[in-house]
Each structure stands twice: as C-alpha cells, then as structure tokens.
Amino acid sequence: MKIQLISCDAARPDKRAIAKLLEDIATGMDSSLAQELTNILVEGTSVDIEVSDKKSSSATRSLRKLSIDYELID
C-alpha cells in the first residue's frame, strides 16, 4: 500500500520520532533515507512511502499520533 505523507501539523515536530516511524513502517527504508524524508516532510513537501499491508493499520495510527496528514494511494 502506498501512502502520501502530506504535511506535519505539529507545532514542534519530533524529527527523531518521525524518522524512526518511517524506518519501521516503510518497505526498504534505512535510517539515513528516513531522516532525509523526515526533513523534506517537515519543510512542507509531500513524501510517498510504501507500507506492507500487514503494517497498514498500525502505520496510519502512528502517523496520526505524530500529527502527520496522509493520503492513501491505490
């Protein structure tokens, strides 16, 4: 399943937590790529990630917890 991360609405986004989440939920994501995508997202540019179907419900819940707006892409 593809997810487009649109923006992070948190007043003070926790970049470390976001990067760790991306590394955990995204398919084929390493820590350096997760940090780079986190910086891009926090700066205001949307990011697309691929998530395994097994992790999709926990992934979306975790994204909401970190105040990240997302859209599911088919």
PDB file of N, CA and C in Angstrom:
ATOM      1  N   MET A   1       0.844  -1.162   0.000  1.00  0.00           N
ATOM      2  CA  MET A   1       0.000   0.000   0.000  1.00  0.00           C
ATOM      3  C   MET A   1       0.898   1.237   0.000  1.00  0.00           C
ATOM      4  N   LYS A   2       0.538   2.207  -0.820  1.00  0.00           N
ATOM      5  CA  LYS A   2       1.289   3.458  -0.860  1.00  0.00           C
ATOM      6  C   LYS A   2       0.565   4.508  -0.035  1.00  0.00           C
ATOM      7  N   ILE A   3       1.350   5.277   0.681  1.00  0.00           N
ATOM      8  CA  ILE A   3       0.824   6.375   1.493  1.00  0.00           C
ATOM      9  C   ILE A   3       1.581   7.641   1.124  1.00  0.00           C
ATOM     10  N   GLN A   4       0.841   8.703   0.877  1.00  0.00           N
ATOM     11  CA  GLN A   4       1.465  10.004   0.626  1.00  0.00           C
ATOM     12  C   GLN A   4       1.381  10.798   1.926  1.00  0.00           C
ATOM     13  N   LEU A   5       2.526  11.132   2.475  1.00  0.00           N
ATOM     14  CA  LEU A   5       2.598  11.961   3.668  1.00  0.00           C
ATOM     15  C   LEU A   5       2.539  13.403   3.196  1.00  0.00           C
ATOM     16  N   ILE A   6       1.476  14.096   3.565  1.00  0.00           N
ATOM     17  CA  ILE A   6       1.219  15.427   3.018  1.00  0.00           C
ATOM     18  C   ILE A   6       1.913  16.516   3.822  1.00  0.00           C
ATOM     19  N   SER A   7       1.735  16.482   5.135  1.00  0.00           N
ATOM     20  CA  SER A   7       2.349  17.518   5.969  1.00  0.00           C
ATOM     21  C   SER A   7       2.374  17.067   7.420  1.00  0.00           C
ATOM     22  N   CYS A   8       3.146  17.773   8.209  1.00  0.00           N
ATOM     23  CA  CYS A   8       3.202  17.534   9.648  1.00  0.00           C
ATOM     24  C   CYS A   8       2.707  18.804  10.331  1.00  0.00           C
ATOM     25  N   ASP A   9       1.584  18.682  11.043  1.00  0.00           N
ATOM     26  CA  ASP A   9       0.942  19.846  11.650  1.00  0.00           C
ATOM     27  C   ASP A   9       1.374  20.113  13.086  1.00  0.00           C
ATOM     28  N   ALA A  10       2.295  19.338  13.596  1.00  0.00           N
ATOM     29  CA  ALA A  10       2.742  19.529  14.974  1.00  0.00           C
ATOM     30  C   ALA A  10       3.464  20.868  15.104  1.00  0.00           C
ATOM     31  N   ALA A  11       3.239  21.548  16.209  1.00  0.00           N
ATOM     32  CA  ALA A  11       3.903  22.830  16.449  1.00  0.00           C
ATOM     33  C   ALA A  11       5.418  22.654  16.510  1.00  0.00           C
ATOM     34  N   ARG A  12       5.858  21.609  17.168  1.00  0.00           N
ATOM     35  CA  ARG A  12       7.289  21.283  17.248  1.00  0.00           C
ATOM     36  C   ARG A  12       7.455  19.812  16.899  1.00  0.00           C
ATOM     37  N   PRO A  13       7.562  19.496  15.600  1.00  0.00           N
ATOM     38  CA  PRO A  13       7.637  18.087  15.203  1.00  0.00           C
ATOM     39  C   PRO A  13       8.884  17.397  15.753  1.00  0.00           C
ATOM     40  N   ASP A  14       8.695  16.192  16.234  1.00  0.00           N
ATOM     41  CA  ASP A  14       9.789  15.375  16.761  1.00  0.00           C
ATOM     42  C   ASP A  14      10.414  14.620  15.593  1.00  0.00           C
ATOM     43  N   LYS A  15      11.452  15.199  15.001  1.00  0.00           N
ATOM     44  CA  LYS A  15      12.073  14.624  13.809  1.00  0.00           C
ATOM     45  C   LYS A  15      12.619  13.220  14.066  1.00  0.00           C
ATOM     46  N   ARG A  16      13.162  13.001  15.237  1.00  0.00           N
ATOM     47  CA  ARG A  16      13.714  11.691  15.564  1.00  0.00           C
ATOM     48  C   ARG A  16      12.608  10.634  15.592  1.00  0.00           C
ATOM     49  N   ALA A  17      11.468  10.966  16.191  1.00  0.00           N
ATOM     50  CA  ALA A  17      10.353  10.022  16.257  1.00  0.00           C
ATOM     51  C   ALA A  17       9.769   9.758  14.873  1.00  0.00           C
ATOM     52  N   ILE A  18       9.676  10.795  14.053  1.00  0.00           N
ATOM     53  CA  ILE A  18       9.144  10.635  12.699  1.00  0.00           C
ATOM     54  C   ILE A  18      10.072   9.752  11.875  1.00  0.00           C
ATOM     55  N   ALA A  19      11.369   9.994  11.943  1.00  0.00           N
ATOM     56  CA  ALA A  19      12.337   9.196  11.196  1.00  0.00           C
ATOM     57  C   ALA A  19      12.300   7.737  11.636  1.00  0.00           C
ATOM     58  N   LYS A  20      12.203   7.510  12.926  1.00  0.00           N
ATOM     59  CA  LYS A  20      12.126   6.147  13.454  1.00  0.00           C
ATOM     60  C   LYS A  20      10.860   5.458  12.962  1.00  0.00           C
ATOM     61  N   LEU A  21       9.752   6.174  12.961  1.00  0.00           N
ATOM     62  CA  LEU A  21       8.494   5.613  12.470  1.00  0.00           C
ATOM     63  C   LEU A  21       8.606   5.244  10.995  1.00  0.00           C
ATOM     64  N   LEU A  22       9.151   6.151  10.183  1.00  0.00           N
ATOM     65  CA  LEU A  22       9.306   5.865   8.754  1.00  0.00           C
ATOM     66  C   LEU A  22      10.185   4.642   8.536  1.00  0.00           C
ATOM     67  N   GLU A  23      11.247   4.544   9.296  1.00  0.00           N
ATOM     68  CA  GLU A  23      12.148   3.397   9.181  1.00  0.00           C
ATOM     69  C   GLU A  23      11.427   2.099   9.540  1.00  0.00           C
ATOM     70  N   ASP A  24      10.550   2.155  10.540  1.00  0.00           N
ATOM     71  CA  ASP A  24       9.833   0.958  10.994  1.00  0.00           C
ATOM     72  C   ASP A  24       8.715   0.533  10.045  1.00  0.00           C
ATOM     73  N   ILE A  25       7.974   1.486   9.480  1.00  0.00           N
ATOM     74  CA  ILE A  25       6.789   1.113   8.706  1.00  0.00           C
ATOM     75  C   ILE A  25       7.012   1.018   7.206  1.00  0.00           C
ATOM     76  N   ALA A  26       7.967   1.750   6.674  1.00  0.00           N
ATOM     77  CA  ALA A  26       8.156   1.795   5.226  1.00  0.00           C
ATOM     78  C   ALA A  26       8.986   0.608   4.737  1.00  0.00           C
ATOM     79  N   THR A  27       8.593   0.086   3.605  1.00  0.00           N
ATOM     80  CA  THR A  27       9.291  -1.032   2.998  1.00  0.00           C
ATOM     81  C   THR A  27      10.617  -0.560   2.404  1.00  0.00           C
ATOM     82  N   GLY A  28      11.716  -1.210   2.790  1.00  0.00           N
ATOM     83  CA  GLY A  28      13.026  -0.897   2.240  1.00  0.00           C
ATOM     84  C   GLY A  28      13.619   0.431   2.683  1.00  0.00           C
ATOM     85  N   MET A  29      13.236   0.919   3.838  1.00  0.00           N
ATOM     86  CA  MET A  29      13.700   2.221   4.321  1.00  0.00           C
ATOM     87  C   MET A  29      14.831   2.019   5.329  1.00  0.00           C
ATOM     88  N   ASP A  30      15.957   2.714   5.112  1.00  0.00           N
ATOM     89  CA  ASP A  30      17.034   2.693   6.095  1.00  0.00           C
ATOM     90  C   ASP A  30      17.020   4.012   6.868  1.00  0.00           C
ATOM     91  N   SER A  31      17.859   4.111   7.874  1.00  0.00           N
ATOM     92  CA  SER A  31      17.801   5.272   8.767  1.00  0.00           C
ATOM     93  C   SER A  31      18.184   6.574   8.070  1.00  0.00           C
ATOM     94  N   SER A  32      19.159   6.536   7.180  1.00  0.00           N
ATOM     95  CA  SER A  32      19.560   7.788   6.517  1.00  0.00           C
ATOM     96  C   SER A  32      18.473   8.291   5.566  1.00  0.00           C
ATOM     97  N   LEU A  33      17.825   7.392   4.842  1.00  0.00           N
ATOM     98  CA  LEU A  33      16.729   7.790   3.966  1.00  0.00           C
ATOM     99  C   LEU A  33      15.545   8.290   4.788  1.00  0.00           C
ATOM    100  N   ALA A  34      15.277   7.648   5.915  1.00  0.00           N
ATOM    101  CA  ALA A  34      14.182   8.071   6.785  1.00  0.00           C
ATOM    102  C   ALA A  34      14.433   9.487   7.312  1.00  0.00           C
ATOM    103  N   GLN A  35      15.659   9.793   7.690  1.00  0.00           N
ATOM    104  CA  GLN A  35      15.983  11.136   8.173  1.00  0.00           C
ATOM    105  C   GLN A  35      15.842  12.168   7.067  1.00  0.00           C
ATOM    106  N   GLU A  36      16.279  11.814   5.868  1.00  0.00           N
ATOM    107  CA  GLU A  36      16.166  12.730   4.737  1.00  0.00           C
ATOM    108  C   GLU A  36      14.702  13.014   4.396  1.00  0.00           C
ATOM    109  N   LEU A  37      13.882  11.961   4.361  1.00  0.00           N
ATOM    110  CA  LEU A  37      12.460  12.145   4.065  1.00  0.00           C
ATOM    111  C   LEU A  37      11.751  12.914   5.174  1.00  0.00           C
ATOM    112  N   THR A  38      12.184  12.726   6.409  1.00  0.00           N
ATOM    113  CA  THR A  38      11.614  13.476   7.526  1.00  0.00           C
ATOM    114  C   THR A  38      11.885  14.963   7.360  1.00  0.00           C
ATOM    115  N   ASN A  39      13.100  15.317   7.005  1.00  0.00           N
ATOM    116  CA  ASN A  39      13.437  16.728   6.784  1.00  0.00           C
ATOM    117  C   ASN A  39      12.606  17.317   5.649  1.00  0.00           C
ATOM    118  N   ILE A  40      12.434  16.565   4.580  1.00  0.00           N
ATOM    119  CA  ILE A  40      11.626  17.029   3.446  1.00  0.00           C
ATOM    120  C   ILE A  40      10.188  17.255   3.885  1.00  0.00           C
ATOM    121  N   LEU A  41       9.632  16.317   4.654  1.00  0.00           N
ATOM    122  CA  LEU A  41       8.251  16.420   5.121  1.00  0.00           C
ATOM    123  C   LEU A  41       8.060  17.617   6.043  1.00  0.00           C
ATOM    124  N   VAL A  42       8.965  17.798   6.981  1.00  0.00           N
ATOM    125  CA  VAL A  42       8.844  18.902   7.950  1.00  0.00           C
ATOM    126  C   VAL A  42       8.967  20.261   7.256  1.00  0.00           C
ATOM    127  N   GLU A  43       9.741  20.321   6.172  1.00  0.00           N
ATOM    128  CA  GLU A  43       9.883  21.571   5.418  1.00  0.00           C
ATOM    129  C   GLU A  43       8.646  21.902   4.594  1.00  0.00           C
ATOM    130  N   GLY A  44       7.721  20.935   4.449  1.00  0.00           N
ATOM    131  CA  GLY A  44       6.466  21.226   3.780  1.00  0.00           C
ATOM    132  C   GLY A  44       6.229  20.545   2.450  1.00  0.00           C
ATOM    133  N   THR A  45       7.097  19.638   2.036  1.00  0.00           N
ATOM    134  CA  THR A  45       6.927  18.920   0.782  1.00  0.00           C
ATOM    135  C   THR A  45       6.386  17.526   1.078  1.00  0.00           C
ATOM    136  N   SER A  46       5.431  17.083   0.272  1.00  0.00           N
ATOM    137  CA  SER A  46       4.862  15.756   0.500  1.00  0.00           C
ATOM    138  C   SER A  46       5.856  14.663   0.122  1.00  0.00           C
ATOM    139  N   VAL A  47       5.674  13.494   0.744  1.00  0.00           N
ATOM    140  CA  VAL A  47       6.571  12.352   0.572  1.00  0.00           C
ATOM    141  C   VAL A  47       5.717  11.106   0.375  1.00  0.00           C
ATOM    142  N   ASP A  48       6.102  10.244  -0.566  1.00  0.00           N
ATOM    143  CA  ASP A  48       5.411   8.976  -0.784  1.00  0.00           C
ATOM    144  C   ASP A  48       6.230   7.844  -0.197  1.00  0.00           C
ATOM    145  N   ILE A  49       5.540   6.922   0.508  1.00  0.00           N
ATOM    146  CA  ILE A  49       6.204   5.744   1.046  1.00  0.00           C
ATOM    147  C   ILE A  49       5.372   4.506   0.726  1.00  0.00           C
ATOM    148  N   GLU A  50       6.016   3.361   0.736  1.00  0.00           N
ATOM    149  CA  GLU A  50       5.352   2.071   0.534  1.00  0.00           C
ATOM    150  C   GLU A  50       5.318   1.356   1.879  1.00  0.00           C
ATOM    151  N   VAL A  51       4.116   0.891   2.269  1.00  0.00           N
ATOM    152  CA  VAL A  51       3.937   0.217   3.549  1.00  0.00           C
ATOM    153  C   VAL A  51       3.362  -1.165   3.287  1.00  0.00           C
ATOM    154  N   SER A  52       3.865  -2.158   3.976  1.00  0.00           N
ATOM    155  CA  SER A  52       3.330  -3.512   3.840  1.00  0.00           C
ATOM    156  C   SER A  52       1.894  -3.530   4.357  1.00  0.00           C
ATOM    157  N   ASP A  53       1.047  -4.325   3.717  1.00  0.00           N
ATOM    158  CA  ASP A  53      -0.368  -4.396   4.112  1.00  0.00           C
ATOM    159  C   ASP A  53      -0.527  -4.870   5.548  1.00  0.00           C
ATOM    160  N   LYS A  54       0.400  -5.663   6.034  1.00  0.00           N
ATOM    161  CA  LYS A  54       0.340  -6.161   7.412  1.00  0.00           C
ATOM    162  C   LYS A  54       0.502  -5.036   8.429  1.00  0.00           C
ATOM    163  N   LYS A  55       1.228  -3.981   8.048  1.00  0.00           N
ATOM    164  CA  LYS A  55       1.514  -2.883   8.969  1.00  0.00           C
ATOM    165  C   LYS A  55       0.635  -1.659   8.726  1.00  0.00           C
ATOM    166  N   SER A  56      -0.296  -1.730   7.804  1.00  0.00           N
ATOM    167  CA  SER A  56      -1.025  -0.533   7.388  1.00  0.00           C
ATOM    168  C   SER A  56      -1.864   0.098   8.496  1.00  0.00           C
ATOM    169  N   SER A  57      -2.568  -0.696   9.278  1.00  0.00           N
ATOM    170  CA  SER A  57      -3.414  -0.095  10.318  1.00  0.00           C
ATOM    171  C   SER A  57      -2.584   0.533  11.435  1.00  0.00           C
ATOM    172  N   SER A  58      -1.514  -0.126  11.852  1.00  0.00           N
ATOM    173  CA  SER A  58      -0.671   0.456  12.895  1.00  0.00           C
ATOM    174  C   SER A  58       0.098   1.659  12.359  1.00  0.00           C
ATOM    175  N   ALA A  59       0.444   1.629  11.069  1.00  0.00           N
ATOM    176  CA  ALA A  59       1.159   2.751  10.457  1.00  0.00           C
ATOM    177  C   ALA A  59       0.292   4.008  10.448  1.00  0.00           C
ATOM    178  N   THR A  60      -0.951   3.876  10.023  1.00  0.00           N
ATOM    179  CA  THR A  60      -1.827   5.054   9.964  1.00  0.00           C
ATOM    180  C   THR A  60      -2.117   5.594  11.364  1.00  0.00           C
ATOM    181  N   ARG A  61      -2.256   4.711  12.322  1.00  0.00           N
ATOM    182  CA  ARG A  61      -2.476   5.146  13.705  1.00  0.00           C
ATOM    183  C   ARG A  61      -1.266   5.926  14.222  1.00  0.00           C
ATOM    184  N   SER A  62      -0.089   5.434  13.940  1.00  0.00           N
ATOM    185  CA  SER A  62       1.147   6.099  14.381  1.00  0.00           C
ATOM    186  C   SER A  62       1.332   7.442  13.690  1.00  0.00           C
ATOM    187  N   LEU A  63       0.972   7.535  12.415  1.00  0.00           N
ATOM    188  CA  LEU A  63       1.074   8.805  11.690  1.00  0.00           C
ATOM    189  C   LEU A  63       0.152   9.856  12.311  1.00  0.00           C
ATOM    190  N   ARG A  64      -1.064   9.451  12.649  1.00  0.00           N
ATOM    191  CA  ARG A  64      -2.000  10.392  13.295  1.00  0.00           C
ATOM    192  C   ARG A  64      -1.465  10.852  14.646  1.00  0.00           C
ATOM    193  N   LYS A  65      -0.850   9.946  15.379  1.00  0.00           N
ATOM    194  CA  LYS A  65      -0.303  10.276  16.702  1.00  0.00           C
ATOM    195  C   LYS A  65       0.789  11.346  16.610  1.00  0.00           C
ATOM    196  N   LEU A  66       1.552  11.331  15.503  1.00  0.00           N
ATOM    197  CA  LEU A  66       2.626  12.314  15.308  1.00  0.00           C
ATOM    198  C   LEU A  66       2.148  13.543  14.530  1.00  0.00           C
ATOM    199  N   SER A  67       0.827  13.697  14.362  1.00  0.00           N
ATOM    200  CA  SER A  67       0.213  14.845  13.669  1.00  0.00           C
ATOM    201  C   SER A  67       0.659  14.955  12.215  1.00  0.00           C
ATOM    202  N   ILE A  68       0.758  13.809  11.550  1.00  0.00           N
ATOM    203  CA  ILE A  68       1.137  13.792  10.144  1.00  0.00           C
ATOM    204  C   ILE A  68      -0.115  13.539   9.312  1.00  0.00           C
ATOM    205  N   ASP A  69      -0.423  14.468   8.409  1.00  0.00           N
ATOM    206  CA  ASP A  69      -1.540  14.291   7.488  1.00  0.00           C
ATOM    207  C   ASP A  69      -1.085  13.385   6.358  1.00  0.00           C
ATOM    208  N   TYR A  70      -1.939  12.445   5.981  1.00  0.00           N
ATOM    209  CA  TYR A  70      -1.562  11.498   4.943  1.00  0.00           C
ATOM    210  C   TYR A  70      -2.761  11.193   4.054  1.00  0.00           C
ATOM    211  N   GLU A  71      -2.468  10.574   2.924  1.00  0.00           N
ATOM    212  CA  GLU A  71      -3.496  10.143   1.993  1.00  0.00           C
ATOM    213  C   GLU A  71      -3.102   8.776   1.465  1.00  0.00           C
ATOM    214  N   LEU A  72      -4.068   7.858   1.449  1.00  0.00           N
ATOM    215  CA  LEU A  72      -3.813   6.521   0.923  1.00  0.00           C
ATOM    216  C   LEU A  72      -3.884   6.572  -0.591  1.00  0.00           C
ATOM    217  N   ILE A  73      -2.894   5.965  -1.252  1.00  0.00           N
ATOM    218  CA  ILE A  73      -2.828   5.951  -2.704  1.00  0.00           C
ATOM    219  C   ILE A  73      -2.975   4.514  -3.161  1.00  0.00           C
ATOM    220  N   ASP A  74      -3.874   4.254  -4.076  1.00  0.00           N
ATOM    221  CA  ASP A  74      -4.064   2.887  -4.586  1.00  0.00           C
ATOM    222  C   ASP A  74      -3.119   2.574  -5.694  1.00  0.00           C
TER     223      ASP A  74
END
